[in-house]
Protein backbone atom coordinates (compact mmCIF):
# COMPACT_ATOMS: atom_id res chain seq x y z
CA UNK A 1 0.13 0.21 0.18
CA UNK A 2 1.98 3.01 1.26
CA UNK A 3 6.21 3.18 0.79
CA UNK A 4 7.96 2.75 4.09
CA UNK A 5 8.68 6.12 4.84
CA UNK A 6 4.96 7.21 4.78
CA UNK A 7 3.96 4.43 6.74
CA UNK A 8 5.83 5.82 9.28
CA UNK A 9 4.46 9.21 9.10
CA UNK A 10 0.98 7.45 8.89
CA UNK A 11 1.35 6.36 12.49
CA UNK A 12 2.18 9.50 13.40
CA UNK A 13 -0.90 11.22 11.94
CA UNK A 14 -2.99 8.35 13.61
CA UNK A 15 -4.08 7.48 9.67
CA UNK A 16 -6.48 10.95 9.75
CA UNK A 17 -6.43 12.41 6.35
CA UNK A 18 -6.14 16.26 6.76
CA UNK A 19 -6.80 17.13 3.01
CA UNK A 20 -8.94 15.58 0.78
CA UNK A 21 -8.22 14.46 -2.95
CA UNK A 22 -7.75 17.55 -5.15
CA UNK A 23 -8.41 16.73 -8.74
CA UNK A 24 -6.22 18.31 -11.63
CA UNK A 25 -6.73 17.55 -15.49
CA UNK A 26 -5.92 14.50 -16.70
CA UNK A 27 -7.25 11.53 -18.60
CA UNK A 28 -8.21 7.86 -17.71
CA UNK A 29 -4.52 6.37 -17.83
CA UNK A 30 -3.01 4.04 -19.49
CA UNK A 31 -4.33 0.85 -20.81
CA UNK A 32 -0.91 -1.46 -20.81
CA UNK A 33 -1.74 -4.69 -22.74
CA UNK A 34 -5.27 -5.48 -24.37
CA UNK A 35 -6.20 -8.84 -23.52
CA UNK A 36 -5.41 -11.48 -26.38
CA UNK A 37 -8.24 -14.07 -27.46
CA UNK A 38 -8.41 -16.53 -24.13
CA UNK A 39 -11.60 -17.95 -24.13
CA UNK A 40 -11.93 -19.66 -20.85
CA UNK A 41 -14.82 -22.18 -22.50
CA UNK A 42 -12.16 -23.92 -24.27
CA UNK A 43 -10.41 -25.72 -21.24
CA UNK A 44 -12.20 -28.91 -20.97
CA UNK A 45 -11.29 -29.44 -17.58
CA UNK A 46 -13.35 -26.61 -16.33
CA UNK A 47 -16.05 -28.70 -14.28
CA UNK A 48 -13.55 -30.39 -13.13
CA UNK A 49 -12.21 -27.63 -11.08
CA UNK A 50 -13.83 -27.18 -7.62
CA UNK A 51 -11.46 -26.10 -4.99
CA UNK A 52 -10.09 -22.80 -5.87
CA UNK A 53 -7.13 -21.65 -3.03
CA UNK A 54 -6.26 -17.63 -3.20
CA UNK A 55 -3.35 -15.78 -1.59
CA UNK A 56 -3.64 -12.26 -1.62
CA UNK A 57 0.32 -10.38 -1.00
CA UNK A 58 0.69 -7.11 -0.79
CA UNK A 59 2.34 -4.18 -2.78
CA UNK A 60 4.99 -5.03 -4.82
CA UNK A 61 5.94 -4.56 -8.50
CA UNK A 62 6.28 -7.69 -11.23
CA UNK A 63 10.06 -6.59 -11.73
CA UNK A 64 10.77 -6.45 -7.97
CA UNK A 65 9.15 -9.63 -7.25
CA UNK A 66 9.75 -11.73 -9.64
CA UNK A 67 13.38 -10.81 -10.82
CA UNK A 68 16.60 -13.29 -10.83
CA UNK A 69 17.22 -11.43 -7.89
CA UNK A 70 14.46 -11.20 -5.92
CA UNK A 71 13.99 -11.55 -2.29
CA UNK A 72 11.62 -14.10 -2.38
CA UNK A 73 12.88 -16.84 -4.84
CA UNK A 74 10.41 -19.38 -3.61
CA UNK A 75 7.93 -17.36 -5.03
CA UNK A 76 9.55 -16.18 -8.28
CA UNK A 77 11.48 -19.13 -9.24
CA UNK A 78 10.11 -22.50 -7.65
CA UNK A 79 6.15 -22.10 -7.73
CA UNK A 80 6.53 -20.49 -11.60
CA UNK A 81 8.83 -23.71 -11.98
CA UNK A 82 5.49 -25.93 -10.75
CA UNK A 83 2.77 -23.97 -12.59
CA UNK A 84 2.29 -20.84 -14.70
CA UNK A 85 3.86 -17.48 -14.30
CA UNK A 86 1.41 -14.50 -15.86
CA UNK A 87 3.55 -11.33 -15.79
CA UNK A 88 0.78 -9.23 -16.67
CA UNK A 89 -1.26 -9.16 -14.18
CA UNK A 90 -2.17 -6.13 -12.78
CA UNK A 91 -4.01 -4.42 -9.61
CA UNK A 92 -6.98 -2.37 -10.19
CA UNK A 93 -6.31 0.33 -7.63
CA UNK A 94 -4.56 2.22 -4.97
CA UNK A 95 -4.23 2.00 -2.33
CA UNK A 96 -4.96 -1.40 -1.13
CA UNK A 97 -8.68 -2.25 -0.24
CA UNK A 98 -9.96 -1.55 -3.38
CA UNK A 99 -8.29 -4.50 -4.89
CA UNK A 100 -9.78 -6.92 -2.44
CA UNK A 101 -13.16 -5.83 -3.11
CA UNK A 102 -12.69 -5.46 -6.60
CA UNK A 103 -11.72 -9.61 -6.77
CA UNK A 104 -14.33 -10.90 -4.86
CA UNK A 105 -17.74 -8.39 -5.92
CA UNK A 106 -16.58 -6.46 -9.02
CA UNK A 107 -17.18 -3.14 -7.42
CA UNK A 108 -14.92 -0.65 -8.57
CA UNK A 109 -14.23 2.13 -5.72
CA UNK A 110 -15.85 4.91 -3.78
CA UNK A 111 -13.70 7.61 -2.91
CA UNK A 112 -13.17 6.06 0.78
CA UNK A 113 -12.46 2.32 0.01
CA UNK A 114 -9.48 3.71 -2.59
CA UNK A 115 -8.21 5.20 0.54
CA UNK A 116 -8.33 2.42 2.73
CA UNK A 117 -11.36 3.95 4.63
CA UNK A 118 -9.18 5.65 7.51
CA UNK A 119 -11.97 8.41 7.91
CA UNK A 120 -14.74 5.64 9.23
CA UNK A 121 -16.09 2.46 9.03
CA UNK A 122 -19.68 3.69 7.48
CA UNK A 123 -22.30 2.19 4.72
CA UNK A 124 -22.13 3.25 1.51
CA UNK A 125 -24.53 6.26 0.68
CA UNK A 126 -27.07 6.43 -1.33
CA UNK A 127 -25.63 2.96 -2.94
CA UNK A 128 -27.30 4.01 -6.11
CA UNK A 129 -26.89 1.25 -8.67
CA UNK A 130 -25.66 2.33 -12.35
CA UNK A 131 -27.88 0.17 -15.13
CA UNK A 132 -24.95 0.57 -17.35
CA UNK A 133 -24.70 -3.83 -17.93
CA UNK A 134 -22.11 -3.66 -14.97
CA UNK A 135 -24.06 -2.74 -11.59
CA UNK A 136 -21.84 -0.09 -10.00
CA UNK A 137 -22.40 0.54 -6.61
CA UNK A 138 -22.83 5.17 -6.48
CA UNK A 139 -21.94 6.43 -3.39
CA UNK A 140 -19.72 7.63 -0.79
CA UNK A 141 -18.57 5.20 2.24
CA UNK A 142 -16.96 1.51 3.03
CA UNK A 143 -19.51 -0.62 3.65
CA UNK A 144 -22.44 -2.15 0.62
CA UNK A 145 -25.72 -2.32 0.82
CA UNK A 146 -26.62 -6.32 1.21
CA UNK A 147 -28.40 -6.17 -2.42
CA UNK A 148 -24.67 -6.27 -3.54
CA UNK A 149 -23.35 -9.54 -3.67
CA UNK A 150 -19.88 -10.72 -3.52
CA UNK A 151 -18.60 -14.59 -5.07
CA UNK A 152 -19.20 -15.86 -1.75
CA UNK A 153 -22.78 -15.26 -1.79
CA UNK A 154 -23.18 -16.57 -5.93
CA UNK A 155 -21.25 -19.53 -4.28
CA UNK A 156 -23.63 -20.30 -1.51
CA UNK A 157 -26.29 -19.69 -3.63
CA UNK A 158 -25.17 -22.17 -5.89
CA UNK A 159 -24.71 -25.23 -3.75
CA UNK A 160 -20.83 -24.44 -2.89
CA UNK A 161 -19.07 -23.18 0.07
CA UNK A 162 -16.44 -20.80 1.10
CA UNK A 163 -14.26 -19.73 3.66
CA UNK A 164 -11.68 -16.69 4.17
CA UNK A 165 -8.76 -17.27 6.49
CA UNK A 166 -7.40 -13.79 8.45
CA UNK A 167 -3.80 -13.85 10.07
CA UNK A 168 -3.85 -12.68 13.60
CA UNK A 169 -7.44 -11.99 13.47
CA UNK A 170 -8.53 -11.96 17.04
CA UNK A 171 -5.42 -12.18 18.77
CA UNK A 172 -5.98 -8.86 20.37
CA UNK A 173 -10.06 -9.15 21.12
CA UNK A 174 -10.08 -5.65 22.26
CA UNK A 175 -9.66 -4.45 18.40
CA UNK A 176 -11.36 -7.32 16.57
CA UNK A 177 -13.07 -10.75 16.91
CA UNK A 178 -11.16 -13.57 16.54
CA UNK A 179 -14.59 -14.27 13.64
CA UNK A 180 -15.64 -12.05 11.49
CA UNK A 181 -13.98 -9.04 12.98
CA UNK A 182 -14.48 -5.60 11.51
CA UNK A 183 -14.94 -2.25 13.47
CA UNK A 184 -18.52 -1.40 14.14
CA UNK A 185 -20.64 1.08 12.05
CA UNK A 186 -19.32 4.69 12.19
CA UNK A 187 -16.44 3.78 14.20
CA UNK A 188 -12.83 4.28 13.16
CA UNK A 189 -10.55 1.50 11.93
CA UNK A 190 -8.27 0.39 14.87
CA UNK A 191 -6.49 -1.46 12.56
CA UNK A 192 -4.96 0.07 10.22
CA UNK A 193 -1.48 -0.32 11.65
CA UNK A 194 0.01 -3.24 13.49
CA UNK A 195 -0.11 -3.69 17.09
CA UNK A 196 3.42 -4.95 19.07
CA UNK A 197 3.52 -7.64 21.58
CA UNK A 198 2.31 -6.73 25.35
CA UNK A 199 1.76 -8.61 28.76
CA UNK A 200 -1.82 -8.93 27.82
CA UNK A 201 -1.02 -9.16 23.72
CA UNK A 202 1.83 -11.51 23.64
CA UNK A 203 1.91 -12.17 19.90
CA UNK A 204 0.94 -8.94 18.46
CA UNK A 205 -1.74 -8.31 16.51
CA UNK A 206 -1.13 -7.53 12.58
CA UNK A 207 -4.51 -8.44 11.57
CA UNK A 208 -6.07 -5.37 8.88
CA UNK A 209 -9.87 -4.98 8.00
CA UNK A 210 -8.64 -3.37 5.12
CA UNK A 211 -7.34 -6.91 3.63
CA UNK A 212 -10.58 -8.76 4.44
CA UNK A 213 -12.96 -7.58 1.86
CA UNK A 214 -15.70 -9.93 3.06
CA UNK A 215 -16.42 -7.92 5.70
CA UNK A 216 -17.20 -4.28 3.80
CA UNK A 217 -20.77 -6.01 2.81
CA UNK A 218 -23.68 -6.21 4.77
CA UNK A 219 -24.65 -9.16 2.71
CA UNK A 220 -22.14 -10.97 4.63
CA UNK A 221 -21.87 -9.00 7.96
CA UNK A 222 -25.69 -9.35 8.38
CA UNK A 223 -25.48 -13.17 8.12
CA UNK A 224 -24.57 -15.84 10.71
CA UNK A 225 -21.62 -17.08 7.82
CA UNK A 226 -19.45 -14.35 8.38
CA UNK A 227 -18.88 -15.75 11.83
CA UNK A 228 -18.23 -19.32 10.73
CA UNK A 229 -16.63 -18.79 7.42
CA UNK A 230 -13.89 -15.35 8.39
CA UNK A 231 -11.67 -16.97 10.74
CA UNK A 232 -8.42 -17.06 12.00
CA UNK A 233 -5.90 -18.47 9.58
CA UNK A 234 -3.25 -20.15 11.76
CA UNK A 235 -6.24 -21.37 14.10
CA UNK A 236 -8.42 -23.10 11.51
CA UNK A 237 -6.76 -23.29 7.95
CA UNK A 238 -4.38 -26.16 9.00
CA UNK A 239 -7.36 -28.72 10.24
CA UNK A 240 -9.84 -27.57 7.83
CA UNK A 241 -7.14 -28.58 5.04
CA UNK A 242 -6.93 -32.31 6.27
CA UNK A 243 -9.75 -33.78 4.45
CA UNK A 244 -11.95 -32.53 0.96
CA UNK A 245 -15.44 -32.47 3.48
CA UNK A 246 -13.76 -29.54 5.53
CA UNK A 247 -12.05 -27.41 2.65
CA UNK A 248 -14.21 -25.04 1.00
CA UNK A 249 -14.85 -24.64 -2.80
CA UNK A 250 -12.95 -21.30 -2.35
CA UNK A 251 -10.63 -20.42 0.02
CA UNK A 252 -8.94 -17.00 0.20
CA UNK A 253 -6.54 -16.54 2.32
CA UNK A 254 -5.13 -12.82 3.78
CA UNK A 255 -1.44 -13.51 5.80
CA UNK A 256 -1.31 -10.92 8.75
CA UNK A 257 0.90 -7.38 8.23
CA UNK A 258 4.10 -8.94 8.36
CA UNK A 259 3.59 -12.51 6.01
CA UNK A 260 1.85 -10.39 3.14
CA UNK A 261 4.97 -8.18 2.69
CA UNK A 262 3.04 -4.90 3.88
CA UNK A 263 5.30 -3.72 6.95
CA UNK A 264 9.06 -3.94 7.39
CA UNK A 265 10.14 -4.14 10.04
CA UNK A 266 7.51 -5.96 11.47
CA UNK A 267 6.22 -4.58 14.43
CA UNK A 268 5.39 -7.47 16.02
CA UNK A 269 8.70 -9.12 15.77
CA UNK A 270 10.85 -6.24 14.74
CA UNK A 271 12.10 -9.09 12.04
CA UNK A 272 12.61 -7.64 8.30
CA UNK A 273 9.57 -8.32 6.38
CA UNK A 274 9.01 -7.84 2.73
CA UNK A 275 9.54 -10.39 0.00
CA UNK A 276 11.90 -12.50 2.67
CA UNK A 277 8.67 -12.55 4.52
CA UNK A 278 6.46 -13.69 1.88
CA UNK A 279 9.18 -16.21 1.30
CA UNK A 280 8.81 -17.64 4.42
CA UNK A 281 5.23 -17.87 4.62
CA UNK A 282 4.80 -19.25 1.16
CA UNK A 283 7.09 -22.14 1.45
CA UNK A 284 5.18 -22.73 5.01
CA UNK A 285 1.72 -22.83 3.52
CA UNK A 286 1.60 -23.72 -0.11
CA UNK A 287 3.03 -27.01 0.35
CA UNK A 288 0.50 -27.78 3.11
CA UNK A 289 -2.44 -26.30 0.60
CA UNK A 290 -0.80 -28.63 -1.83
CA UNK A 291 -0.45 -31.56 -0.34
CA UNK A 292 -3.91 -31.29 0.96
CA UNK A 293 -7.02 -33.86 -0.25
CA UNK A 294 -8.86 -30.95 -2.27
CA UNK A 295 -5.92 -29.71 -4.06
CA UNK A 296 -4.80 -32.94 -5.05
CA UNK A 297 -8.06 -33.96 -6.28
CA UNK A 298 -9.47 -30.78 -8.27
CA UNK A 299 -8.00 -27.61 -6.84
CA UNK A 300 -6.01 -24.52 -8.17
CA UNK A 301 -4.22 -22.12 -6.17
CA UNK A 302 -3.79 -18.91 -7.46
CA UNK A 303 -0.77 -16.68 -5.54
CA UNK A 304 -0.67 -12.29 -6.56
CA UNK A 305 -0.78 -8.69 -5.06
CA UNK A 306 -3.19 -6.89 -4.45
CA UNK A 307 -1.43 -3.65 -6.42
CA UNK A 308 1.76 -2.62 -6.90
CA UNK A 309 4.27 -0.78 -4.65
CA UNK A 310 4.82 3.29 -4.92
CA UNK A 311 6.23 4.02 -8.45
CA UNK A 312 8.77 6.90 -7.63
CA UNK A 313 9.20 9.46 -4.04
CA UNK A 314 10.30 13.22 -4.44
CA UNK A 315 11.43 15.55 -2.12
CA UNK A 316 11.08 19.32 -2.87
CA UNK A 317 10.78 22.16 -0.69
CA UNK A 318 10.54 19.69 2.55
CA UNK A 319 7.78 17.78 0.99
CA UNK A 320 8.00 14.42 0.52
CA UNK A 321 5.54 13.29 -2.54
CA UNK A 322 4.92 9.74 -3.37
CA UNK A 323 3.41 8.66 -6.87
CA UNK A 324 1.84 5.49 -8.82
CA UNK A 325 1.62 5.64 -12.09
CA UNK A 326 -1.74 4.08 -11.97
CA UNK A 327 -1.16 1.59 -15.08
CA UNK A 328 -4.58 -0.72 -15.88
CA UNK A 329 -4.62 -3.22 -18.12
CA UNK A 330 -7.60 -5.39 -20.19
CA UNK A 331 -9.89 -2.21 -20.51
CA UNK A 332 -10.31 -1.64 -16.85
CA UNK A 333 -13.10 0.83 -16.09
CA UNK A 334 -12.65 3.19 -13.33
CA UNK A 335 -15.86 3.75 -12.26
CA UNK A 336 -18.75 6.46 -11.07
CA UNK A 337 -17.48 7.67 -7.84
CA UNK A 338 -13.59 8.74 -8.42
CA UNK A 339 -13.52 11.90 -10.51
CA UNK A 340 -10.47 12.71 -12.87
CA UNK A 341 -7.05 11.90 -12.27
CA UNK A 342 -4.30 13.01 -11.43
CA UNK A 343 -5.26 13.05 -7.58
CA UNK A 344 -3.36 14.55 -4.79
CA UNK A 345 -4.14 13.66 -1.06
CA UNK A 346 -1.68 15.78 1.36
CA UNK A 347 -1.40 14.04 4.82
CA UNK A 348 0.61 16.02 7.51
CA UNK A 349 3.09 14.51 10.94
CA UNK A 350 3.93 17.70 12.75
CA UNK A 351 5.76 20.17 10.83
CA UNK A 352 5.89 17.50 7.64
CA UNK A 353 3.87 17.36 4.92
CA UNK A 354 3.48 14.28 2.52
CA UNK A 355 1.80 14.23 -0.97
CA UNK A 356 0.77 11.16 -2.35
CA UNK A 357 -0.39 10.83 -5.84
CA UNK A 358 -1.94 8.82 -8.59
CA UNK A 359 -1.52 9.45 -11.73
CA UNK A 360 -4.36 7.07 -12.99
CA UNK A 361 -6.93 4.59 -11.22
CA UNK A 362 -5.34 1.85 -11.99
CA UNK A 363 -3.33 -0.69 -9.66
CA UNK A 364 -0.08 -1.29 -11.99
CA UNK A 365 1.76 -4.02 -12.72
CA UNK A 366 2.17 -7.35 -9.96
CA UNK A 367 1.94 -10.70 -12.18
CA UNK A 368 0.43 -13.94 -10.29
CA UNK A 369 1.29 -17.68 -10.57
CA UNK A 370 -1.01 -20.23 -10.78
CA UNK A 371 -0.97 -23.78 -9.55
CA UNK A 372 -2.80 -26.72 -10.78
CA UNK A 373 -2.65 -30.08 -12.16
CA UNK A 374 -3.90 -28.86 -15.67
CA UNK A 375 -1.27 -26.57 -15.53
CA UNK A 376 1.85 -27.33 -17.46
CA UNK A 377 4.65 -26.78 -15.16
CA UNK A 378 7.17 -24.39 -16.56
CA UNK A 379 3.65 -22.12 -18.25
CA UNK A 380 4.12 -18.60 -19.01
CA UNK A 381 1.08 -16.47 -20.18
CA UNK A 382 1.78 -13.23 -21.49
CA UNK A 383 -2.20 -13.02 -21.92
CA UNK A 384 -2.65 -9.20 -19.88
CA UNK A 385 -5.66 -10.35 -16.75
CA UNK A 386 -6.66 -7.66 -13.93
CA UNK A 387 -8.84 -8.51 -10.34
CA UNK A 388 -11.91 -8.78 -12.99
CA UNK A 389 -10.20 -11.57 -14.77
CA UNK A 390 -9.67 -13.49 -11.58
CA UNK A 391 -12.60 -13.15 -10.32
CA UNK A 392 -14.10 -13.91 -13.81
CA UNK A 393 -12.07 -16.97 -13.73
CA UNK A 394 -13.92 -18.27 -10.67
CA UNK A 395 -17.26 -17.64 -11.73
CA UNK A 396 -16.02 -19.56 -14.97
CA UNK A 397 -15.02 -22.56 -12.96
CA UNK A 398 -18.41 -22.46 -10.81
CA UNK A 399 -20.71 -21.20 -13.33
CA UNK A 400 -21.95 -18.71 -11.25
CA UNK A 401 -23.07 -15.32 -12.76
CA UNK A 402 -20.99 -12.35 -13.61
CA UNK A 403 -20.53 -9.76 -10.94
CA UNK A 404 -19.77 -6.29 -11.53
CA UNK A 405 -16.76 -5.34 -13.76
CA UNK A 406 -16.43 -9.13 -14.05
CA UNK A 407 -19.16 -9.09 -16.46
CA UNK A 408 -16.59 -8.00 -19.33
CA UNK A 409 -13.59 -9.17 -17.93
CA UNK A 410 -11.77 -12.45 -19.48
CA UNK A 411 -10.99 -15.43 -17.09
CA UNK A 412 -7.95 -17.36 -17.51
CA UNK A 413 -8.17 -19.66 -20.87
CA UNK A 414 -5.65 -21.62 -22.37
CA UNK A 415 -2.95 -19.86 -22.38
CA UNK A 416 -2.66 -20.92 -18.83
CA UNK A 417 -4.40 -24.27 -18.37
CA UNK A 418 -2.02 -25.70 -20.88
CA UNK A 419 -1.82 -29.12 -19.27
CA UNK A 420 -4.25 -32.12 -20.24
């Protein structure tokens, strides 16, 4: 989400924004990589896939993650050799939450979700729906009304199951519950920064609500399924993986703020974070998933990042400016809520001012790795995809209706599924 320097400023600020986005003249952004023909329907084993695992990591550019000198060689080298590398996979926005939301619902950002809902965990109003065929929610706020559905809702309607596993959720029960952890509606999110260990919370707490998209939808929040399906990663996933009957059709995994590469150093143990920590996390969890009965029978594992890291920084007159290019792919649309780009947001920490500049609305190039027995090891697909494409892929696998901007997205096709 934010650079190391800016994260320090954010802690000082207590995540309080002191100036809103000011729109300058600008276009709708770049379109890096029009998707090639990649018809998922030509993948003959589509209906055979019945267990999809997703691991969402944080804030790394493709060139950093997958370079020959990557600090995460297990992700950069070992896993692509076992499945497919998708270099031209893009995030859909900056800074974090909007990407998670687009991945599970096809919804584009509100101004608040585009900025991680730091000013309050509020319902979206007026929450009218566009009539352009993409059913986008129009309004301001963070939490979508029950009429706006997610892939989790659609899986249940079609007779399938889902579960979301969140690193550290509930470590500090005074911040969030160990199931369906989220702030109360109308309050400030207290999980914007990690909590160091204390006598009462010896392991610390690096759960981040903004990396748990399921709790931003009233269709889930207002259902008993939130308490049963949005759970602590370490406490629940190992046992759930032991049998097919206890493994959901969709398993969504969000590591804590250290293990997902977001924080460095890590507040909970003072150790380095970033790609080094990602590498360690994946070396632990990926073998557990790949050896599970569900994955062996009919599984697919997707590993990607929410967005890229920042594109550059400069200091002029004592003001630090952090910028993102905001590149897009695949004909991504901005949505109805954000306004014109580029946009600048000012933050203040004492006498220091920090400017965040979003040149466009996209999330830039992050890359992805996909594993399945239907993928020839060492496959490289140069087709351009993004989070809407990943959602479309899941919808294609389970024959679900398309949600939001996944309606116009191309799911993974025979360029990825190259195996028998």
